[in-house]
Protein backbone atom coordinates (compact mmCIF):
# COMPACT_ATOMS: atom_id res chain seq x y z
CA MET A 1 144.16 104.23 -124.07
CA LYS A 2 143.02 107.69 -122.99
CA PHE A 3 144.29 106.92 -119.49
CA VAL A 4 147.78 106.04 -120.82
CA ILE A 5 147.95 109.24 -122.90
CA ALA A 6 146.78 111.33 -119.92
CA CYS A 7 149.46 109.71 -117.69
CA MET A 8 152.16 110.35 -120.30
CA LEU A 9 151.15 114.01 -120.60
CA LEU A 10 151.09 114.37 -116.82
CA LEU A 11 154.54 112.81 -116.46
CA SER A 12 156.02 114.88 -119.28
CA ASN A 13 154.70 118.05 -117.60
CA PHE A 14 156.07 116.86 -114.25
CA PHE A 15 159.58 116.51 -115.62
CA LYS A 16 159.40 119.83 -117.47
CA ALA A 17 158.19 121.71 -114.38
CA PRO A 18 161.61 122.37 -112.82
CA ALA A 19 162.77 124.08 -116.02
CA GLN A 20 159.83 126.45 -115.83
CA GLN A 21 160.46 127.79 -112.35
CA LYS A 22 162.80 130.02 -110.47
CA LEU A 23 164.94 128.56 -107.73
CA PHE A 24 166.59 130.33 -104.81
CA THR A 25 168.82 129.73 -101.83
CA LYS A 26 169.89 131.62 -98.74
CA THR A 27 172.16 128.82 -97.56
CA GLY A 28 175.02 129.00 -100.01
CA THR A 29 178.64 129.31 -98.95
CA VAL A 30 181.53 131.26 -100.45
CA VAL A 31 185.09 130.49 -99.40
CA PHE A 32 188.13 132.35 -100.60
CA PHE A 33 191.66 131.15 -100.20
CA SER A 34 195.01 132.76 -100.84
CA LYS A 35 198.19 130.73 -100.62
CA ALA A 36 200.94 132.97 -99.31
CA PRO A 37 204.57 132.36 -98.31
CA VAL A 38 204.15 133.48 -94.70
CA GLU A 39 200.56 132.51 -93.93
CA ASN A 40 197.62 131.23 -95.97
CA ILE A 41 194.53 133.41 -95.88
CA LYS A 42 191.09 131.82 -95.79
CA ALA A 43 187.65 133.26 -95.14
CA LYS A 44 184.14 131.83 -95.29
CA ASN A 45 180.73 133.42 -95.75
CA ASN A 46 177.62 131.28 -95.15
CA LYS A 47 175.10 133.88 -96.28
CA LEU A 48 175.20 133.61 -100.05
CA LEU A 49 171.94 134.51 -101.77
CA SER A 50 171.16 133.14 -105.22
CA VAL A 51 168.25 133.12 -107.64
CA TRP A 52 168.27 130.89 -110.72
CA ASP A 53 165.66 131.05 -113.48
CA VAL A 54 166.19 127.58 -114.89
CA ALA A 55 164.00 128.27 -117.94
CA THR A 56 166.28 131.07 -119.19
CA GLY A 57 169.49 130.03 -117.40
CA GLN A 58 169.80 133.45 -115.76
CA ILE A 59 171.46 133.22 -112.37
CA GLU A 60 172.48 135.79 -109.76
CA PHE A 61 174.53 135.61 -106.59
CA SER A 62 175.03 138.21 -103.89
CA VAL A 63 177.16 138.14 -100.76
CA LEU A 64 177.85 140.80 -98.13
CA MET A 65 181.57 141.42 -97.73
CA LYS A 66 181.29 141.88 -93.96
CA GLY A 67 179.89 138.34 -93.77
CA PHE A 68 183.30 136.78 -94.43
CA GLU A 69 184.72 135.24 -91.27
CA PHE A 70 188.44 134.73 -90.74
CA GLU A 71 190.35 132.64 -88.25
CA LYS A 72 192.02 135.80 -86.95
CA ALA A 73 190.05 138.93 -86.10
CA LEU A 74 192.87 141.19 -87.28
CA MET A 75 192.75 139.62 -90.76
CA GLN A 76 189.01 140.23 -90.89
CA GLU A 77 189.48 143.85 -89.85
CA HIS A 78 192.19 144.46 -92.48
CA PHE A 79 190.09 142.70 -95.14
CA ASN A 80 187.07 144.94 -94.50
CA GLU A 81 188.86 148.22 -93.88
CA ASN A 82 191.97 148.14 -96.06
CA TYR A 83 191.39 145.74 -98.93
CA VAL A 84 187.75 145.39 -100.01
CA GLU A 85 186.58 148.56 -98.23
CA SER A 86 183.32 146.95 -97.11
CA ASP A 87 181.71 150.22 -95.99
CA LYS A 88 182.16 151.69 -99.48
CA TYR A 89 181.57 148.43 -101.41
CA PRO A 90 179.30 146.36 -99.13
CA LYS A 91 178.62 143.40 -101.42
CA ALA A 92 179.91 141.31 -104.28
CA THR A 93 177.53 140.18 -106.99
CA PHE A 94 177.54 137.83 -109.93
CA LYS A 95 175.03 137.95 -112.79
CA GLY A 96 175.17 135.45 -115.61
CA ILE A 97 173.74 132.66 -117.68
CA VAL A 98 174.09 128.94 -116.96
CA GLU A 99 174.70 127.14 -120.22
CA THR A 100 172.49 124.21 -119.27
CA PRO A 101 172.87 120.81 -120.90
CA LYS A 102 169.56 119.72 -122.42
CA ASN A 103 169.30 116.70 -120.10
CA LEU A 104 169.92 118.61 -116.85
CA PHE A 105 166.23 118.93 -116.01
CA SER A 106 165.08 115.69 -117.60
CA GLY A 107 164.17 114.27 -114.20
CA VAL A 108 167.19 111.98 -114.15
CA ASP A 109 169.49 112.11 -111.13
CA GLY A 110 173.09 112.81 -111.93
CA ASN A 111 176.08 115.13 -111.93
CA TYR A 112 176.21 117.68 -114.74
CA SER A 113 179.06 119.90 -115.86
CA VAL A 114 177.96 123.39 -116.89
CA VAL A 115 179.60 126.67 -117.79
CA VAL A 116 178.39 129.92 -116.27
CA ASN A 117 179.17 133.09 -118.22
CA GLY A 118 178.56 136.47 -116.65
CA THR A 119 179.99 139.37 -114.74
CA LEU A 120 181.47 139.53 -111.26
CA THR A 121 181.26 142.85 -109.45
CA LEU A 122 183.70 143.25 -106.58
CA HIS A 123 185.17 146.39 -105.03
CA GLY A 124 183.14 148.52 -107.44
CA ILE A 125 184.67 146.86 -110.53
CA THR A 126 182.69 144.63 -112.91
CA LYS A 127 184.57 142.07 -114.99
CA PRO A 128 183.42 139.27 -117.29
CA VAL A 129 184.07 135.75 -116.00
CA MET A 130 183.52 132.24 -117.32
CA ILE A 131 183.16 129.70 -114.54
CA PRO A 132 183.03 125.91 -114.87
CA ALA A 133 180.51 124.51 -112.41
CA LYS A 134 178.90 121.27 -111.30
CA VAL A 135 175.18 120.82 -110.82
CA GLN A 136 173.90 117.79 -108.95
CA VAL A 137 170.35 116.48 -109.19
CA ASN A 138 169.47 113.95 -106.51
CA ASN A 139 165.90 112.95 -105.76
CA LYS A 140 164.63 116.27 -107.25
CA ILE A 141 167.03 118.30 -105.07
CA ILE A 142 169.31 120.55 -107.10
CA SER A 143 172.68 121.61 -105.70
CA ALA A 144 175.64 123.32 -107.32
CA SER A 145 179.31 124.12 -106.82
CA ALA A 146 182.05 126.01 -108.60
CA ALA A 147 185.66 127.03 -108.06
CA PHE A 148 187.54 129.72 -109.93
CA ILE A 149 190.43 132.15 -109.55
CA ILE A 150 190.38 135.93 -109.68
CA LEU A 151 193.22 138.44 -109.58
CA LEU A 152 193.02 141.18 -106.95
CA THR A 153 194.55 143.65 -109.41
CA ASP A 154 191.60 143.05 -111.79
CA TYR A 155 189.30 144.46 -109.11
CA ASN A 156 191.56 147.33 -108.07
CA ILE A 157 192.22 145.78 -104.67
CA LYS A 158 195.56 147.16 -103.62
CA ILE A 159 198.07 145.30 -101.50
CA PRO A 160 200.38 147.59 -99.49
CA ALA A 161 204.04 147.18 -100.48
CA ILE A 162 205.01 146.27 -96.91
CA VAL A 163 202.91 143.05 -97.07
CA ALA A 164 203.01 142.41 -100.85
CA ASP A 165 205.22 139.34 -100.39
CA ASN A 166 202.76 137.89 -97.85
CA ILE A 167 199.55 138.14 -99.91
CA SER A 168 198.98 136.50 -103.28
CA ASN A 169 197.32 138.37 -106.13
CA HIS A 170 195.56 135.08 -107.07
CA ILE A 171 192.48 134.28 -104.99
CA GLN A 172 190.72 130.90 -105.22
CA ILE A 173 186.96 131.31 -104.79
CA THR A 174 184.74 128.31 -104.07
CA VAL A 175 180.95 128.55 -104.15
CA VAL A 176 178.73 125.78 -102.78
CA VAL A 177 174.93 125.73 -102.86
CA PRO A 178 173.74 122.65 -100.93
CA SER A 179 170.20 122.93 -102.30
CA TYR A 180 168.01 125.27 -104.28
CA GLN A 181 164.36 125.69 -103.35
CA PRO A 182 161.47 126.67 -105.64
CA LEU A 183 160.83 130.41 -105.49
CA SER A 184 157.19 130.93 -104.67
CA PRO A 185 155.38 133.29 -107.07
CA HIS A 186 153.61 134.94 -104.12
């Protein structure tokens, strides 16, 4: 009987362990997309950093603006110099709380819908955002993804009048984290 109780305690601690640790990734991806009448604009950054304290739900993301890669070099140059002013505002950050369903870290594989509430800082402007996201648990590997829309005007990103008809004010942002890793306490 003592053996059964000890095994149950061990298993219950095993399944609670993920909720008591911090997770991180350096392999996340951010893609932004703007549908425009003349030409769609798309850029990708594969150097997203994220830390997630699953016990408290606190999560942070950071991405360097110069890390976005475009199909055309001229678009990338204009993005960094004229729009997001990467030298002046080198990174975008998100800080928030994942409203975690109680069964997310129960040890059961599955797809979970969550809401992430926080603030997005871009171009020196911080705005509150609420982002629906998906968290996947598969064989103890945790991955996540989200897609949301921002308005350039909300972040004081100005579009020159000469190209205003070619660039949308609505930007679709997609974030994908293929896997989080435990953050070592050392």
